[in-house]
Amino acid sequence: FRLWRQGSTVPASACSDWCDMSALDFEVPEKGNGKITHDRLMGTCIQTLEGHVSCILALTFLTERKLLSGGKDNLIKVWSLPEGDCLRTMRGHDSWVRCLVALGPDRCVSGGDDMTVRVWNTAQGICDAVLTGHSGWVYCMTSVPSMPGMVVTGGSDDDIKLWNVDSETGDCLRTLEGHADCVLALVVAQGRLVSASSDATLRVWPLADGDPGVKTRPLKTLKGHTGPVSALAVLSGEPEQVVSGSDDLTLRIWDIDKGTFLRLLAVQTSLLTALATAGAGTFITAGLATHESALQWSSVESGNVIGICKEHTQTVYAIACLPELGCRQVVSAGADRRIR
């Protein structure tokens, strides 16, 4: 590889030693002698966690040192980091666990193919509440930072439900109807809810309290994808933007306030299964399926693919990043039953 001076066509130095490298990331201090103080290969696997006996479908961080995972073995596992120990295994779902969201250092919510939403005490490993109301599989969920105790879920019944998990009864506050097919992904950006669906659209919804008896209509419907939209992620900045990934093999960035499409990122060569932002919003990490079975990093600024990691041997279904670590570390999991 060659190290280049910014603004110059003459390399400052070069290294001819062989290595399998897709991208190089480094930092140079603003003050000092100009020497590189930190370097690393993007996509290097630093740890592997094993314990699930089937495909892993969901990941989320409880804290900087605790990770949650769930999957087709109907289990939720709590892991310690960086030790990599499984602290406990939580049982209760009667079918696949498809989604997880953390509500604090010792509390989480899960959803799955048994059509239930479950609230857990992760310190004790017990289920505090079982919320029913969906008539299909629960595919996705998100918390609402500005509204403690609120969790939003979506599923194969085409509905989106808003829950107050802090209430004794776990009330369903509202049901949002509008998608013509399964709801596959949910995020909160700019104080609004954004949903993605197999109907190839994104919809933007208000989160303010509404009358449970009055149908809530989407503020905007975003069109452009030609296949199911399977993943969403939020790009930090002012204003926040949303990136969507679809079975049409494209990544698209949207201004949800104006409801406009901003730009297309590098076209994928494989079905996209998961998305997360990394590097404080400068990179987009995508999980790939079928023959790729990889993680792919794309630059938000250029839209180009800047790195690919092929540590996984089968489809990557879940990705998680931790903002407290500057989103510099990415955790992934999938059909090979391993967390990396």
Protein backbone atom coordinates (compact mmCIF):
# COMPACT_ATOMS: atom_id res chain seq x y z
CA PHE A 1 0.00 0.00 0.00
CA ARG A 2 1.00 3.65 -0.38
CA LEU A 3 0.57 6.55 2.02
CA TRP A 4 -0.20 9.82 0.23
CA ARG A 5 0.18 13.42 1.31
CA GLN A 6 -3.13 15.20 1.06
CA GLY A 7 -3.21 17.35 -2.07
CA SER A 8 -0.09 15.70 -3.54
CA THR A 9 0.38 13.13 -6.31
CA VAL A 10 3.68 11.94 -4.82
CA PRO A 11 3.47 9.14 -2.22
CA ALA A 12 5.03 9.91 1.15
CA SER A 13 5.90 6.25 1.75
CA ALA A 14 5.04 2.76 0.57
CA CYS A 15 4.92 -0.78 1.93
CA SER A 16 5.33 -3.82 -0.28
CA ASP A 17 4.70 -6.49 2.37
CA TRP A 18 1.83 -8.77 1.32
CA CYS A 19 -1.44 -8.85 3.20
CA ASP A 20 -5.09 -9.49 2.35
CA MET A 21 -6.45 -5.98 2.76
CA SER A 22 -9.62 -4.31 1.55
CA ALA A 23 -9.29 -0.98 3.37
CA LEU A 24 -6.97 0.85 5.74
CA ASP A 25 -8.07 3.30 8.39
CA PHE A 26 -5.69 5.55 10.33
CA GLU A 27 -5.54 8.68 12.43
CA VAL A 28 -2.99 11.50 12.41
CA PRO A 29 -2.90 13.89 15.39
CA GLU A 30 -3.76 17.53 14.67
CA LYS A 31 -0.70 18.60 16.62
CA GLY A 32 2.69 16.98 16.90
CA ASN A 33 5.29 15.62 14.51
CA GLY A 34 2.79 14.32 11.94
CA LYS A 35 3.48 10.65 12.62
CA ILE A 36 0.64 8.16 12.45
CA THR A 37 -0.28 7.18 15.99
CA HIS A 38 -2.93 4.57 15.29
CA ASP A 39 -3.66 2.27 12.36
CA ARG A 40 -5.84 -0.71 11.75
CA LEU A 41 -7.30 -2.80 8.98
CA MET A 42 -10.99 -2.16 8.49
CA GLY A 43 -12.94 -5.38 8.90
CA THR A 44 -10.50 -7.22 11.15
CA CYS A 45 -12.34 -9.76 13.32
CA ILE A 46 -11.15 -9.29 16.91
CA GLN A 47 -13.42 -11.77 18.72
CA THR A 48 -15.86 -14.63 18.05
CA LEU A 49 -18.67 -15.64 20.44
CA GLU A 50 -20.32 -19.06 20.23
CA GLY A 51 -23.28 -20.52 22.09
CA HIS A 52 -26.38 -20.37 19.91
CA VAL A 53 -27.36 -23.67 18.31
CA SER A 54 -29.15 -22.11 15.36
CA CYS A 55 -29.19 -19.00 13.17
CA ILE A 56 -28.83 -15.65 15.00
CA LEU A 57 -31.34 -13.03 13.83
CA ALA A 58 -31.02 -10.14 16.32
CA LEU A 59 -28.32 -8.19 18.18
CA THR A 60 -28.34 -5.14 20.42
CA PHE A 61 -26.10 -3.59 23.08
CA LEU A 62 -27.37 -3.33 26.66
CA THR A 63 -24.29 -1.37 27.73
CA GLU A 64 -20.75 -0.89 26.49
CA ARG A 65 -19.88 -4.21 28.15
CA LYS A 66 -23.06 -6.23 27.59
CA LEU A 67 -24.51 -7.59 24.35
CA LEU A 68 -27.83 -9.30 23.63
CA SER A 69 -28.48 -11.87 20.90
CA GLY A 70 -31.52 -13.84 19.79
CA GLY A 71 -32.35 -16.28 17.04
CA LYS A 72 -33.94 -19.40 15.62
CA ASP A 73 -33.21 -21.45 18.75
CA ASN A 74 -35.94 -19.33 20.48
CA LEU A 75 -33.32 -18.08 22.97
CA ILE A 76 -32.00 -14.71 24.10
CA LYS A 77 -28.44 -14.64 25.40
CA VAL A 78 -26.65 -11.98 27.45
CA TRP A 79 -22.90 -11.68 26.78
CA SER A 80 -20.13 -9.89 28.64
CA LEU A 81 -17.62 -7.88 26.63
CA PRO A 82 -14.72 -8.05 26.05
CA GLU A 83 -14.57 -11.35 27.97
CA GLY A 84 -17.02 -13.01 25.59
CA ASP A 85 -18.74 -15.01 28.33
CA CYS A 86 -22.44 -15.91 28.11
CA LEU A 87 -23.81 -14.51 31.38
CA ARG A 88 -27.29 -16.01 31.05
CA THR A 89 -29.77 -17.52 28.63
CA MET A 90 -33.40 -16.33 28.69
CA ARG A 91 -36.20 -18.65 27.62
CA GLY A 92 -39.85 -17.86 26.97
CA HIS A 93 -40.48 -17.42 23.26
CA ASP A 94 -42.15 -20.39 21.59
CA SER A 95 -40.58 -19.64 18.22
CA TRP A 96 -37.81 -17.60 16.58
CA VAL A 97 -36.60 -14.40 18.23
CA ARG A 98 -36.39 -11.85 15.40
CA CYS A 99 -35.80 -8.50 17.11
CA LEU A 100 -34.41 -6.97 20.30
CA VAL A 101 -34.22 -3.49 21.80
CA ALA A 102 -32.50 -2.37 25.02
CA LEU A 103 -34.31 -0.09 27.47
CA GLY A 104 -31.52 0.26 30.01
CA PRO A 105 -28.61 -1.67 31.50
CA ASP A 106 -30.88 -4.42 32.87
CA ARG A 107 -33.99 -4.31 30.68
CA CYS A 108 -34.86 -5.28 27.13
CA VAL A 109 -37.80 -6.07 24.86
CA SER A 110 -37.98 -8.87 22.29
CA GLY A 111 -40.29 -9.90 19.48
CA GLY A 112 -40.64 -13.07 17.47
CA ASP A 113 -42.55 -15.57 15.41
CA ASP A 114 -44.81 -16.53 18.33
CA MET A 115 -46.53 -13.14 17.67
CA THR A 116 -45.62 -11.83 21.15
CA VAL A 117 -43.63 -8.89 22.48
CA ARG A 118 -41.83 -9.73 25.72
CA VAL A 119 -40.31 -7.44 28.36
CA TRP A 120 -37.29 -8.88 30.20
CA ASN A 121 -35.30 -8.24 33.36
CA THR A 122 -31.87 -9.15 32.01
CA ALA A 123 -30.18 -9.01 35.42
CA GLN A 124 -32.36 -11.84 36.71
CA GLY A 125 -33.08 -13.44 33.33
CA ILE A 126 -36.85 -13.39 33.79
CA CYS A 127 -39.74 -12.24 31.61
CA ASP A 128 -41.70 -9.44 33.29
CA ALA A 129 -44.51 -9.15 30.74
CA VAL A 130 -45.91 -10.73 27.58
CA LEU A 131 -47.66 -8.28 25.23
CA THR A 132 -50.09 -9.60 22.64
CA GLY A 133 -51.86 -7.87 19.78
CA HIS A 134 -49.96 -8.72 16.61
CA SER A 135 -51.66 -11.30 14.39
CA GLY A 136 -48.42 -12.25 12.66
CA TRP A 137 -44.70 -12.59 13.22
CA VAL A 138 -43.00 -9.62 14.92
CA TYR A 139 -40.16 -8.74 12.55
CA CYS A 140 -38.78 -5.47 13.93
CA MET A 141 -38.84 -3.00 16.81
CA THR A 142 -37.33 0.25 18.02
CA SER A 143 -37.36 2.36 21.15
CA VAL A 144 -38.21 6.08 21.18
CA PRO A 145 -35.46 8.05 22.99
CA SER A 146 -37.71 11.05 23.66
CA MET A 147 -40.50 8.89 25.10
CA PRO A 148 -39.19 6.54 27.83
CA GLY A 149 -41.09 3.29 28.00
CA MET A 150 -42.37 3.46 24.44
CA VAL A 151 -41.50 0.62 22.07
CA VAL A 152 -42.66 0.38 18.46
CA THR A 153 -43.08 -2.98 16.71
CA GLY A 154 -43.87 -4.11 13.18
CA GLY A 155 -44.57 -7.45 11.60
CA SER A 156 -46.02 -9.76 9.01
CA ASP A 157 -49.57 -8.53 9.76
CA ASP A 158 -48.59 -5.27 7.97
CA ASP A 159 -49.25 -3.30 11.18
CA ILE A 160 -47.11 -1.06 13.37
CA LYS A 161 -47.94 -0.97 17.08
CA LEU A 162 -46.87 1.52 19.75
CA TRP A 163 -46.59 0.08 23.26
CA ASN A 164 -46.16 1.55 26.73
CA VAL A 165 -44.03 -1.15 28.34
CA ASP A 166 -43.84 0.83 31.60
CA SER A 167 -47.54 0.39 32.30
CA GLU A 168 -48.65 -2.58 34.38
CA THR A 169 -50.75 -3.91 31.52
CA GLY A 170 -48.30 -3.10 28.70
CA ASP A 171 -50.94 -1.16 26.81
CA CYS A 172 -50.91 -0.93 23.03
CA LEU A 173 -51.26 2.83 22.59
CA ARG A 174 -51.90 2.92 18.85
CA THR A 175 -51.85 0.79 15.72
CA LEU A 176 -50.52 2.41 12.54
CA GLU A 177 -51.98 0.99 9.34
CA GLY A 178 -50.91 1.88 5.82
CA HIS A 179 -48.34 -0.56 4.51
CA ALA A 180 -49.61 -3.08 1.97
CA ASP A 181 -47.22 -5.83 3.07
CA CYS A 182 -44.94 -6.95 5.92
CA VAL A 183 -43.22 -4.26 8.01
CA LEU A 184 -39.53 -5.23 8.00
CA ALA A 185 -37.65 -2.34 9.66
CA LEU A 186 -38.21 0.62 12.00
CA VAL A 187 -36.08 3.59 13.10
CA VAL A 188 -36.67 6.94 14.81
CA ALA A 189 -35.17 10.03 13.17
CA GLN A 190 -35.90 13.75 13.61
CA GLY A 191 -38.53 12.86 16.20
CA ARG A 192 -40.50 10.80 13.70
CA LEU A 193 -40.97 7.11 13.11
CA VAL A 194 -39.75 5.68 9.79
CA SER A 195 -40.93 2.25 8.64
CA ALA A 196 -39.87 0.04 5.74
CA SER A 197 -41.87 -2.72 4.13
CA SER A 198 -42.07 -5.52 1.61
CA ASP A 199 -44.34 -3.16 -0.37
CA ALA A 200 -41.10 -1.37 -1.47
CA THR A 201 -41.93 1.87 0.36
CA LEU A 202 -40.77 3.82 3.41
CA ARG A 203 -43.35 5.69 5.46
CA VAL A 204 -42.85 8.55 7.91
CA TRP A 205 -45.20 8.70 10.91
CA PRO A 206 -45.86 11.15 13.77
CA LEU A 207 -44.95 9.95 17.25
CA ALA A 208 -46.99 12.47 19.23
CA ASP A 209 -49.83 11.06 21.31
CA GLY A 210 -52.98 10.52 19.29
CA ASP A 211 -56.52 9.31 19.86
CA PRO A 212 -56.43 5.49 19.88
CA GLY A 213 -59.78 5.52 18.08
CA VAL A 214 -58.59 7.70 15.20
CA LYS A 215 -56.58 6.18 12.37
CA THR A 216 -53.07 7.67 12.17
CA ARG A 217 -52.01 8.44 8.62
CA PRO A 218 -48.38 8.60 7.49
CA LEU A 219 -46.90 12.05 7.03
CA LYS A 220 -45.04 10.94 3.92
CA THR A 221 -44.59 7.87 1.73
CA LEU A 222 -41.13 7.52 0.19
CA LYS A 223 -40.95 5.65 -3.10
CA GLY A 224 -38.02 4.65 -5.28
CA HIS A 225 -37.07 1.11 -4.34
CA THR A 226 -38.31 -1.60 -6.68
CA GLY A 227 -38.15 -4.46 -4.18
CA PRO A 228 -38.84 -5.14 -0.49
CA VAL A 229 -37.04 -2.68 1.82
CA SER A 230 -35.46 -4.92 4.43
CA ALA A 231 -33.26 -2.59 6.51
CA LEU A 232 -33.00 0.98 7.80
CA ALA A 233 -30.33 2.99 9.63
CA VAL A 234 -30.00 6.60 10.80
CA LEU A 235 -27.15 8.84 9.66
CA SER A 236 -26.17 11.29 12.39
CA GLY A 237 -25.92 14.95 11.50
CA GLU A 238 -28.06 18.06 11.22
CA PRO A 239 -30.56 17.08 10.08
CA GLU A 240 -30.55 13.32 10.56
CA GLN A 241 -30.96 11.31 7.38
CA VAL A 242 -32.16 7.76 6.85
CA VAL A 243 -30.50 5.10 4.71
CA SER A 244 -32.52 2.18 3.37
CA GLY A 245 -31.45 -1.15 1.91
CA SER A 246 -33.55 -3.24 -0.41
CA ASP A 247 -33.79 -6.52 -2.27
CA ASP A 248 -33.42 -4.41 -5.43
CA LEU A 249 -29.69 -4.39 -4.50
CA THR A 250 -29.53 -0.65 -3.77
CA LEU A 251 -28.84 1.59 -0.78
CA ARG A 252 -30.69 4.92 -0.79
CA ILE A 253 -30.31 7.98 1.45
CA TRP A 254 -33.41 10.05 2.23
CA ASP A 255 -34.31 13.44 3.69
CA ILE A 256 -37.32 12.40 5.73
CA ASP A 257 -38.31 15.99 6.59
CA LYS A 258 -38.80 16.88 2.93
CA GLY A 259 -39.64 13.34 1.92
CA THR A 260 -37.05 13.39 -0.84
CA PHE A 261 -34.50 10.93 -2.18
CA LEU A 262 -30.97 12.34 -1.85
CA ARG A 263 -28.62 9.85 -3.45
CA LEU A 264 -27.91 6.27 -4.38
CA LEU A 265 -24.99 4.41 -2.86
CA ALA A 266 -22.96 1.72 -4.56
CA VAL A 267 -25.18 -1.01 -5.97
CA GLN A 268 -24.90 -4.28 -4.07
CA THR A 269 -24.03 -7.61 -5.64
CA SER A 270 -26.01 -9.63 -3.11
CA LEU A 271 -29.23 -9.36 -1.11
CA LEU A 272 -28.90 -6.94 1.80
CA THR A 273 -30.08 -8.26 5.16
CA ALA A 274 -29.01 -5.69 7.79
CA LEU A 275 -27.75 -2.11 8.11
CA ALA A 276 -25.95 0.00 10.71
CA THR A 277 -24.00 3.24 10.68
CA ALA A 278 -20.38 3.18 11.81
CA GLY A 279 -17.52 5.61 12.25
CA ALA A 280 -19.83 8.24 13.79
CA GLY A 281 -21.99 8.17 10.68
CA THR A 282 -19.18 8.27 8.11
CA PHE A 283 -19.59 4.62 7.08
CA ILE A 284 -22.60 2.41 6.41
CA THR A 285 -22.18 -1.24 7.35
CA ALA A 286 -24.32 -3.69 5.39
CA GLY A 287 -24.87 -7.38 5.98
CA LEU A 288 -25.03 -9.46 2.82
CA ALA A 289 -26.75 -12.75 2.04
CA THR A 290 -26.46 -15.64 -0.40
CA HIS A 291 -23.05 -16.13 -2.02
CA GLU A 292 -21.40 -13.09 -0.37
CA SER A 293 -22.04 -13.85 3.34
CA ALA A 294 -20.08 -10.71 4.17
CA LEU A 295 -20.01 -7.33 5.82
CA GLN A 296 -19.63 -4.42 3.43
CA TRP A 297 -18.61 -0.86 4.33
CA SER A 298 -19.72 2.05 2.14
CA SER A 299 -18.60 5.67 2.45
CA VAL A 300 -21.47 8.06 3.14
CA GLU A 301 -19.55 10.90 1.48
CA SER A 302 -18.56 9.17 -1.76
CA GLY A 303 -21.11 6.37 -1.87
CA ASN A 304 -18.37 3.91 -2.80
CA VAL A 305 -17.72 0.50 -1.28
CA ILE A 306 -14.53 0.89 0.78
CA GLY A 307 -14.23 -2.47 2.50
CA ILE A 308 -15.56 -6.02 2.62
CA CYS A 309 -15.11 -8.56 5.41
CA LYS A 310 -15.82 -12.23 4.70
CA GLU A 311 -15.27 -13.75 8.14
CA HIS A 312 -18.83 -15.14 8.22
CA THR A 313 -19.43 -18.36 6.33
CA GLN A 314 -23.19 -17.87 5.86
CA THR A 315 -25.72 -15.02 5.60
CA VAL A 316 -25.27 -12.06 8.00
CA TYR A 317 -28.65 -11.23 9.55
CA ALA A 318 -27.82 -8.78 12.35
CA ILE A 319 -25.44 -5.87 12.94
CA ALA A 320 -25.00 -3.64 16.00
CA CYS A 321 -22.79 -0.61 16.71
CA LEU A 322 -22.19 1.19 19.98
CA PRO A 323 -22.22 5.03 19.88
CA GLU A 324 -20.24 5.20 23.14
CA LEU A 325 -17.31 3.66 21.24
CA GLY A 326 -17.69 6.15 18.41
CA CYS A 327 -19.35 3.40 16.34
CA ARG A 328 -15.85 2.23 15.44
CA GLN A 329 -16.56 -1.37 16.39
CA VAL A 330 -19.26 -3.40 14.69
CA VAL A 331 -20.80 -6.64 15.97
CA SER A 332 -22.36 -9.02 13.46
CA ALA A 333 -24.11 -12.39 13.52
CA GLY A 334 -26.03 -14.68 11.23
CA ALA A 335 -26.71 -18.13 9.89
CA ASP A 336 -23.30 -19.51 10.90
CA ARG A 337 -24.44 -19.21 14.58
CA ARG A 338 -21.45 -17.06 15.50
CA ILE A 339 -21.20 -13.51 16.80
CA ARG A 340 -18.15 -11.61 15.54
